[in-house]
Structure formats: structure tokens, C-alpha cells
Amino acid sequence: MRTTIYEAMVSASRTVALISSMLLVGAPGHAEETYYDCLVEPHMVIEVGSHTQGIIRDSPVRRGDSIERGQLLASLDSEVEEVAIELSSARLEFLEEQYQRLDKLKGRDMVSAEELDEVKIERRMASLELKRNRILHEQKRIVSPVKGV
């Protein structure tokens, strides 16, 4: 009985497939399932925290979630900072309008340069106060420094 190379290759691949399926499923008559008890160790553990103290208001991620770098992990209660941002925004808006009005009046020589400079300085201080309040608000957010689980 002569077999061709193709027939021998087909026969060999069927034998490999049969052995593979026996390894995956198990030998006939052995229906036991094998369980492995293992502990997964992290490659790296990173502790994160906030620059300020506070009460956690929200945590959108759960244990085992995949996270990206910069993703929000938790946020602290920040109502006071939110109100401070609103107040400083309103003050800055008011000073911008006041400066525009005084600048028009200055063009007609109806207001002194000192008054205009005073409002200009107050406007700059209000802008810095708004920036400060936004930074304080941002410090109430805890974000991931790395991509991970």
C-alpha cells in the first residue's frame, strides 16, 4: 500500500488535532475539571491621594476597572470651591464691563487716568483670584498618574 505525501500530511494533521482535543477536553472517561488556585500579584502598586483633605463625593471607577492616565479616580466635595469660582467670575465680568465704560469715558476726558488704572489693577487681581479658585477646585480631583488596572 503506497501513500502519497499529501495523504501522509493529512493523516498526521488529523492525529495532531485528535491529541490536541484530548488534551483540551481530557481523555475519554475522565470528566474531572481542574481548577487552579492562584493569586495575581500587581507589577507595580501606586498610592494616590489629594493635596487637600475632604470627603469623597464621587468615585466613578471600581476595583478591577481598566483606567487611563489622567482619568478621574475620585473627587472630593468641592461646593465651596465651585461657589468661589462663580463669585470670582462674576466679579471679573463686572470689572471688565466697568473698565470698558471708564476707557470710553477716558477717551472723552471725563475720567482720570488714576481711576482707569485702579479698575485695571482690580481687574488683574480678580483674574488671579479666579485662577487661584480654579486651582483649588482642581486639587479636589484625584486622577490616575498611569494607565493600569
Foldseek 3Di string as FASTA:
>chain_A
DDDDPVVVVVVVVVVVVVVVVCVVCPPPPDRDDDDDDDDDDDPDDDDWDFPDDAAWDDAPDDPPDWDAAFAFGTFGDDPVLVVQLVVLVVVLVVLVVVLVVVVVCVVVVNDDPVVSVVSVVVNVVSVVSNVVSVVVRCRRTIGHRHTDD
